[in-house]
Amino acid sequence: MLKTFVLVGTVISHDSFFSTVEFNLNPPVNGGASLAVMPNHAIPCEVKTGQTIYIVKDENMKESRVVCKLEGE
């Protein structure tokens, strides 16, 4: 089981309730991309197509967390 990871996601589509996000591991591995359908309220920033989000988990964290790309990065 992974205890520490970063998933890099890009919102590829969305509607009023859900977003479809393509996720890749960072650093990339042979598994390729994965798709997830997430409720918009789980994304803590403005949901728009092309938006980058991250799911991060450190071994010291009990649960993973969704964070957004900072402006200007």
PDB file of N, CA and C in Angstrom:
ATOM      1  N   MET A   1       0.841  -1.178   0.000  1.00  0.00           N
ATOM      2  CA  MET A   1       0.000   0.000   0.000  1.00  0.00           C
ATOM      3  C   MET A   1       0.886   1.242   0.000  1.00  0.00           C
ATOM      4  N   LEU A   2       0.519   2.204  -0.866  1.00  0.00           N
ATOM      5  CA  LEU A   2       1.259   3.466  -0.900  1.00  0.00           C
ATOM      6  C   LEU A   2       0.957   4.280   0.344  1.00  0.00           C
ATOM      7  N   LYS A   3       1.998   4.779   0.976  1.00  0.00           N
ATOM      8  CA  LYS A   3       1.812   5.614   2.156  1.00  0.00           C
ATOM      9  C   LYS A   3       2.064   7.077   1.841  1.00  0.00           C
ATOM     10  N   THR A   4       2.853   7.337   0.794  1.00  0.00           N
ATOM     11  CA  THR A   4       3.141   8.699   0.378  1.00  0.00           C
ATOM     12  C   THR A   4       3.018   8.764  -1.135  1.00  0.00           C
ATOM     13  N   PHE A   5       2.213   9.707  -1.635  1.00  0.00           N
ATOM     14  CA  PHE A   5       2.060   9.836  -3.083  1.00  0.00           C
ATOM     15  C   PHE A   5       1.525  11.212  -3.448  1.00  0.00           C
ATOM     16  N   VAL A   6       1.689  11.558  -4.724  1.00  0.00           N
ATOM     17  CA  VAL A   6       1.101  12.758  -5.309  1.00  0.00           C
ATOM     18  C   VAL A   6       0.482  12.342  -6.635  1.00  0.00           C
ATOM     19  N   LEU A   7      -0.805  12.580  -6.788  1.00  0.00           N
ATOM     20  CA  LEU A   7      -1.478  12.381  -8.062  1.00  0.00           C
ATOM     21  C   LEU A   7      -1.691  13.756  -8.677  1.00  0.00           C
ATOM     22  N   VAL A   8      -1.293  13.911  -9.927  1.00  0.00           N
ATOM     23  CA  VAL A   8      -1.479  15.168 -10.645  1.00  0.00           C
ATOM     24  C   VAL A   8      -2.683  14.995 -11.553  1.00  0.00           C
ATOM     25  N   GLY A   9      -3.686  15.826 -11.376  1.00  0.00           N
ATOM     26  CA  GLY A   9      -4.922  15.694 -12.140  1.00  0.00           C
ATOM     27  C   GLY A   9      -5.222  16.914 -12.963  1.00  0.00           C
ATOM     28  N   THR A  10      -5.864  16.668 -14.099  1.00  0.00           N
ATOM     29  CA  THR A  10      -6.332  17.748 -14.969  1.00  0.00           C
ATOM     30  C   THR A  10      -7.822  17.547 -15.200  1.00  0.00           C
ATOM     31  N   VAL A  11      -8.607  18.585 -14.939  1.00  0.00           N
ATOM     32  CA  VAL A  11     -10.047  18.522 -15.188  1.00  0.00           C
ATOM     33  C   VAL A  11     -10.249  18.504 -16.698  1.00  0.00           C
ATOM     34  N   ILE A  12     -10.861  17.418 -17.205  1.00  0.00           N
ATOM     35  CA  ILE A  12     -11.062  17.339 -18.649  1.00  0.00           C
ATOM     36  C   ILE A  12     -12.496  17.682 -19.053  1.00  0.00           C
ATOM     37  N   SER A  13     -13.428  17.609 -18.114  1.00  0.00           N
ATOM     38  CA  SER A  13     -14.793  18.081 -18.360  1.00  0.00           C
ATOM     39  C   SER A  13     -15.497  18.236 -17.016  1.00  0.00           C
ATOM     40  N   HIS A  14     -16.587  19.003 -17.030  1.00  0.00           N
ATOM     41  CA  HIS A  14     -17.356  19.187 -15.791  1.00  0.00           C
ATOM     42  C   HIS A  14     -18.748  19.679 -16.128  1.00  0.00           C
ATOM     43  N   ASP A  15     -19.642  19.508 -15.176  1.00  0.00           N
ATOM     44  CA  ASP A  15     -20.975  20.087 -15.251  1.00  0.00           C
ATOM     45  C   ASP A  15     -21.265  20.735 -13.902  1.00  0.00           C
ATOM     46  N   SER A  16     -22.504  20.941 -13.575  1.00  0.00           N
ATOM     47  CA  SER A  16     -22.854  21.624 -12.323  1.00  0.00           C
ATOM     48  C   SER A  16     -22.527  20.808 -11.075  1.00  0.00           C
ATOM     49  N   PHE A  17     -22.417  19.483 -11.226  1.00  0.00           N
ATOM     50  CA  PHE A  17     -22.264  18.626 -10.064  1.00  0.00           C
ATOM     51  C   PHE A  17     -20.960  17.831 -10.024  1.00  0.00           C
ATOM     52  N   PHE A  18     -20.486  17.372 -11.192  1.00  0.00           N
ATOM     53  CA  PHE A  18     -19.340  16.471 -11.239  1.00  0.00           C
ATOM     54  C   PHE A  18     -18.274  16.946 -12.217  1.00  0.00           C
ATOM     55  N   SER A  19     -17.032  16.531 -11.948  1.00  0.00           N
ATOM     56  CA  SER A  19     -15.905  16.781 -12.838  1.00  0.00           C
ATOM     57  C   SER A  19     -15.252  15.460 -13.204  1.00  0.00           C
ATOM     58  N   THR A  20     -14.832  15.332 -14.450  1.00  0.00           N
ATOM     59  CA  THR A  20     -14.036  14.187 -14.879  1.00  0.00           C
ATOM     60  C   THR A  20     -12.586  14.646 -14.878  1.00  0.00           C
ATOM     61  N   VAL A  21     -11.746  13.919 -14.133  1.00  0.00           N
ATOM     62  CA  VAL A  21     -10.356  14.318 -13.934  1.00  0.00           C
ATOM     63  C   VAL A  21      -9.445  13.189 -14.397  1.00  0.00           C
ATOM     64  N   GLU A  22      -8.418  13.530 -15.171  1.00  0.00           N
ATOM     65  CA  GLU A  22      -7.401  12.557 -15.567  1.00  0.00           C
ATOM     66  C   GLU A  22      -6.235  12.695 -14.609  1.00  0.00           C
ATOM     67  N   PHE A  23      -5.870  11.597 -13.950  1.00  0.00           N
ATOM     68  CA  PHE A  23      -4.798  11.598 -12.956  1.00  0.00           C
ATOM     69  C   PHE A  23      -3.586  10.812 -13.437  1.00  0.00           C
ATOM     70  N   ASN A  24      -2.406  11.323 -13.098  1.00  0.00           N
ATOM     71  CA  ASN A  24      -1.145  10.632 -13.322  1.00  0.00           C
ATOM     72  C   ASN A  24      -0.346  10.664 -12.028  1.00  0.00           C
ATOM     73  N   LEU A  25       0.436   9.620 -11.791  1.00  0.00           N
ATOM     74  CA  LEU A  25       1.336   9.619 -10.639  1.00  0.00           C
ATOM     75  C   LEU A  25       2.506  10.548 -10.903  1.00  0.00           C
ATOM     76  N   ASN A  26       3.046  11.102  -9.859  1.00  0.00           N
ATOM     77  CA  ASN A  26       4.242  11.933  -9.966  1.00  0.00           C
ATOM     78  C   ASN A  26       5.257  11.377  -8.981  1.00  0.00           C
ATOM     79  N   PRO A  27       6.382  10.805  -9.408  1.00  0.00           N
ATOM     80  CA  PRO A  27       6.855  10.706 -10.785  1.00  0.00           C
ATOM     81  C   PRO A  27       6.054   9.663 -11.571  1.00  0.00           C
ATOM     82  N   PRO A  28       6.019   9.820 -12.900  1.00  0.00           N
ATOM     83  CA  PRO A  28       5.254   8.893 -13.739  1.00  0.00           C
ATOM     84  C   PRO A  28       5.768   7.459 -13.619  1.00  0.00           C
ATOM     85  N   VAL A  29       4.855   6.519 -13.702  1.00  0.00           N
ATOM     86  CA  VAL A  29       5.202   5.097 -13.703  1.00  0.00           C
ATOM     87  C   VAL A  29       4.524   4.449 -14.908  1.00  0.00           C
ATOM     88  N   ASN A  30       4.741   3.180 -15.100  1.00  0.00           N
ATOM     89  CA  ASN A  30       4.248   2.490 -16.286  1.00  0.00           C
ATOM     90  C   ASN A  30       2.740   2.293 -16.341  1.00  0.00           C
ATOM     91  N   GLY A  31       2.025   2.606 -15.295  1.00  0.00           N
ATOM     92  CA  GLY A  31       0.593   2.349 -15.254  1.00  0.00           C
ATOM     93  C   GLY A  31      -0.238   3.233 -16.164  1.00  0.00           C
ATOM     94  N   GLY A  32       0.255   4.382 -16.539  1.00  0.00           N
ATOM     95  CA  GLY A  32      -0.524   5.291 -17.372  1.00  0.00           C
ATOM     96  C   GLY A  32      -1.530   6.084 -16.557  1.00  0.00           C
ATOM     97  N   ALA A  33      -2.327   6.850 -17.271  1.00  0.00           N
ATOM     98  CA  ALA A  33      -3.299   7.739 -16.638  1.00  0.00           C
ATOM     99  C   ALA A  33      -4.536   6.970 -16.168  1.00  0.00           C
ATOM    100  N   SER A  34      -5.221   7.560 -15.193  1.00  0.00           N
ATOM    101  CA  SER A  34      -6.492   7.033 -14.688  1.00  0.00           C
ATOM    102  C   SER A  34      -7.516   8.147 -14.718  1.00  0.00           C
ATOM    103  N   LEU A  35      -8.780   7.784 -14.890  1.00  0.00           N
ATOM    104  CA  LEU A  35      -9.863   8.762 -14.882  1.00  0.00           C
ATOM    105  C   LEU A  35     -10.663   8.623 -13.600  1.00  0.00           C
ATOM    106  N   ALA A  36     -11.127   9.750 -13.094  1.00  0.00           N
ATOM    107  CA  ALA A  36     -11.986   9.767 -11.909  1.00  0.00           C
ATOM    108  C   ALA A  36     -13.120  10.753 -12.139  1.00  0.00           C
ATOM    109  N   VAL A  37     -14.294  10.404 -11.676  1.00  0.00           N
ATOM    110  CA  VAL A  37     -15.420  11.338 -11.655  1.00  0.00           C
ATOM    111  C   VAL A  37     -15.562  11.774 -10.210  1.00  0.00           C
ATOM    112  N   MET A  38     -15.397  13.071  -9.989  1.00  0.00           N
ATOM    113  CA  MET A  38     -15.386  13.614  -8.630  1.00  0.00           C
ATOM    114  C   MET A  38     -16.499  14.639  -8.473  1.00  0.00           C
ATOM    115  N   PRO A  39     -17.120  14.698  -7.297  1.00  0.00           N
ATOM    116  CA  PRO A  39     -18.080  15.776  -7.059  1.00  0.00           C
ATOM    117  C   PRO A  39     -17.336  17.116  -7.005  1.00  0.00           C
ATOM    118  N   ASN A  40     -17.932  18.124  -7.587  1.00  0.00           N
ATOM    119  CA  ASN A  40     -17.283  19.442  -7.620  1.00  0.00           C
ATOM    120  C   ASN A  40     -16.983  19.986  -6.235  1.00  0.00           C
ATOM    121  N   HIS A  41     -17.812  19.663  -5.250  1.00  0.00           N
ATOM    122  CA  HIS A  41     -17.570  20.192  -3.903  1.00  0.00           C
ATOM    123  C   HIS A  41     -16.310  19.593  -3.268  1.00  0.00           C
ATOM    124  N   ALA A  42     -15.765  18.524  -3.849  1.00  0.00           N
ATOM    125  CA  ALA A  42     -14.529  17.924  -3.327  1.00  0.00           C
ATOM    126  C   ALA A  42     -13.278  18.645  -3.844  1.00  0.00           C
ATOM    127  N   ILE A  43     -13.461  19.537  -4.804  1.00  0.00           N
ATOM    128  CA  ILE A  43     -12.339  20.279  -5.388  1.00  0.00           C
ATOM    129  C   ILE A  43     -12.348  21.680  -4.787  1.00  0.00           C
ATOM    130  N   PRO A  44     -11.316  22.038  -4.009  1.00  0.00           N
ATOM    131  CA  PRO A  44     -11.354  23.280  -3.235  1.00  0.00           C
ATOM    132  C   PRO A  44     -10.954  24.541  -4.004  1.00  0.00           C
ATOM    133  N   CYS A  45     -11.254  24.584  -5.296  1.00  0.00           N
ATOM    134  CA  CYS A  45     -10.974  25.779  -6.093  1.00  0.00           C
ATOM    135  C   CYS A  45     -12.009  25.837  -7.213  1.00  0.00           C
ATOM    136  N   GLU A  46     -11.959  26.897  -7.989  1.00  0.00           N
ATOM    137  CA  GLU A  46     -12.884  27.026  -9.107  1.00  0.00           C
ATOM    138  C   GLU A  46     -12.683  25.863 -10.074  1.00  0.00           C
ATOM    139  N   VAL A  47     -13.774  25.195 -10.406  1.00  0.00           N
ATOM    140  CA  VAL A  47     -13.696  24.065 -11.332  1.00  0.00           C
ATOM    141  C   VAL A  47     -13.823  24.593 -12.752  1.00  0.00           C
ATOM    142  N   LYS A  48     -12.796  24.351 -13.559  1.00  0.00           N
ATOM    143  CA  LYS A  48     -12.839  24.728 -14.969  1.00  0.00           C
ATOM    144  C   LYS A  48     -11.998  23.739 -15.762  1.00  0.00           C
ATOM    145  N   THR A  49     -12.351  23.567 -17.006  1.00  0.00           N
ATOM    146  CA  THR A  49     -11.623  22.647 -17.866  1.00  0.00           C
ATOM    147  C   THR A  49     -10.164  23.082 -17.966  1.00  0.00           C
ATOM    148  N   GLY A  50      -9.257  22.127 -17.804  1.00  0.00           N
ATOM    149  CA  GLY A  50      -7.828  22.418 -17.841  1.00  0.00           C
ATOM    150  C   GLY A  50      -7.229  22.728 -16.489  1.00  0.00           C
ATOM    151  N   GLN A  51      -8.054  22.888 -15.461  1.00  0.00           N
ATOM    152  CA  GLN A  51      -7.573  23.177 -14.102  1.00  0.00           C
ATOM    153  C   GLN A  51      -6.728  22.021 -13.589  1.00  0.00           C
ATOM    154  N   THR A  52      -5.591  22.321 -12.981  1.00  0.00           N
ATOM    155  CA  THR A  52      -4.741  21.298 -12.378  1.00  0.00           C
ATOM    156  C   THR A  52      -5.063  21.177 -10.897  1.00  0.00           C
ATOM    157  N   ILE A  53      -5.267  19.933 -10.454  1.00  0.00           N
ATOM    158  CA  ILE A  53      -5.463  19.660  -9.037  1.00  0.00           C
ATOM    159  C   ILE A  53      -4.498  18.546  -8.643  1.00  0.00           C
ATOM    160  N   TYR A  54      -4.297  18.388  -7.350  1.00  0.00           N
ATOM    161  CA  TYR A  54      -3.400  17.361  -6.835  1.00  0.00           C
ATOM    162  C   TYR A  54      -4.101  16.611  -5.716  1.00  0.00           C
ATOM    163  N   ILE A  55      -3.870  15.317  -5.655  1.00  0.00           N
ATOM    164  CA  ILE A  55      -4.257  14.541  -4.478  1.00  0.00           C
ATOM    165  C   ILE A  55      -2.956  14.127  -3.814  1.00  0.00           C
ATOM    166  N   VAL A  56      -2.777  14.559  -2.578  1.00  0.00           N
ATOM    167  CA  VAL A  56      -1.516  14.324  -1.877  1.00  0.00           C
ATOM    168  C   VAL A  56      -1.759  13.510  -0.610  1.00  0.00           C
ATOM    169  N   LYS A  57      -0.797  12.679  -0.312  1.00  0.00           N
ATOM    170  CA  LYS A  57      -0.852  11.871   0.912  1.00  0.00           C
ATOM    171  C   LYS A  57       0.572  11.667   1.387  1.00  0.00           C
ATOM    172  N   ASP A  58       0.811  12.013   2.619  1.00  0.00           N
ATOM    173  CA  ASP A  58       2.093  11.804   3.275  1.00  0.00           C
ATOM    174  C   ASP A  58       1.893  10.694   4.300  1.00  0.00           C
ATOM    175  N   GLU A  59       2.952   9.974   4.600  1.00  0.00           N
ATOM    176  CA  GLU A  59       2.823   8.873   5.556  1.00  0.00           C
ATOM    177  C   GLU A  59       2.327   9.329   6.925  1.00  0.00           C
ATOM    178  N   ASN A  60       2.477  10.618   7.229  1.00  0.00           N
ATOM    179  CA  ASN A  60       2.017  11.148   8.513  1.00  0.00           C
ATOM    180  C   ASN A  60       0.561  11.599   8.484  1.00  0.00           C
ATOM    181  N   MET A  61      -0.050  11.613   7.284  1.00  0.00           N
ATOM    182  CA  MET A  61      -1.442  12.033   7.145  1.00  0.00           C
ATOM    183  C   MET A  61      -2.356  10.816   7.247  1.00  0.00           C
ATOM    184  N   LYS A  62      -3.475  10.982   7.922  1.00  0.00           N
ATOM    185  CA  LYS A  62      -4.430   9.880   8.038  1.00  0.00           C
ATOM    186  C   LYS A  62      -5.165   9.654   6.712  1.00  0.00           C
ATOM    187  N   GLU A  63      -5.538  10.734   6.029  1.00  0.00           N
ATOM    188  CA  GLU A  63      -6.265  10.642   4.767  1.00  0.00           C
ATOM    189  C   GLU A  63      -5.601  11.522   3.726  1.00  0.00           C
ATOM    190  N   SER A  64      -5.829  11.205   2.466  1.00  0.00           N
ATOM    191  CA  SER A  64      -5.313  12.033   1.380  1.00  0.00           C
ATOM    192  C   SER A  64      -6.115  13.333   1.312  1.00  0.00           C
ATOM    193  N   ARG A  65      -5.544  14.321   0.605  1.00  0.00           N
ATOM    194  CA  ARG A  65      -6.172  15.635   0.521  1.00  0.00           C
ATOM    195  C   ARG A  65      -6.097  16.151  -0.911  1.00  0.00           C
ATOM    196  N   VAL A  66      -7.166  16.787  -1.361  1.00  0.00           N
ATOM    197  CA  VAL A  66      -7.181  17.421  -2.682  1.00  0.00           C
ATOM    198  C   VAL A  66      -6.756  18.863  -2.505  1.00  0.00           C
ATOM    199  N   VAL A  67      -5.754  19.295  -3.288  1.00  0.00           N
ATOM    200  CA  VAL A  67      -5.301  20.676  -3.252  1.00  0.00           C
ATOM    201  C   VAL A  67      -5.238  21.203  -4.680  1.00  0.00           C
ATOM    202  N   CYS A  68      -5.227  22.524  -4.808  1.00  0.00           N
ATOM    203  CA  CYS A  68      -5.245  23.151  -6.124  1.00  0.00           C
ATOM    204  C   CYS A  68      -3.888  23.764  -6.452  1.00  0.00           C
ATOM    205  N   LYS A  69      -3.671  23.912  -7.733  1.00  0.00           N
ATOM    206  CA  LYS A  69      -2.449  24.567  -8.200  1.00  0.00           C
ATOM    207  C   LYS A  69      -2.517  26.038  -7.825  1.00  0.00           C
ATOM    208  N   LEU A  70      -1.440  26.557  -7.298  1.00  0.00           N
ATOM    209  CA  LEU A  70      -1.405  27.967  -6.935  1.00  0.00           C
ATOM    210  C   LEU A  70      -1.330  28.820  -8.189  1.00  0.00           C
ATOM    211  N   GLU A  71      -1.955  29.981  -8.145  1.00  0.00           N
ATOM    212  CA  GLU A  71      -1.910  30.913  -9.281  1.00  0.00           C
ATOM    213  C   GLU A  71      -0.462  31.314  -9.554  1.00  0.00           C
ATOM    214  N   GLY A  72      -0.116  31.393 -10.818  1.00  0.00           N
ATOM    215  CA  GLY A  72       1.230  31.807 -11.194  1.00  0.00           C
ATOM    216  C   GLY A  72       2.234  30.669 -11.239  1.00  0.00           C
ATOM    217  N   GLU A  73       1.811  29.455 -10.953  1.00  0.00           N
ATOM    218  CA  GLU A  73       2.717  28.294 -10.995  1.00  0.00           C
ATOM    219  C   GLU A  73       2.496  27.507 -12.256  1.00  0.00           C
TER     220      GLU A  73
END
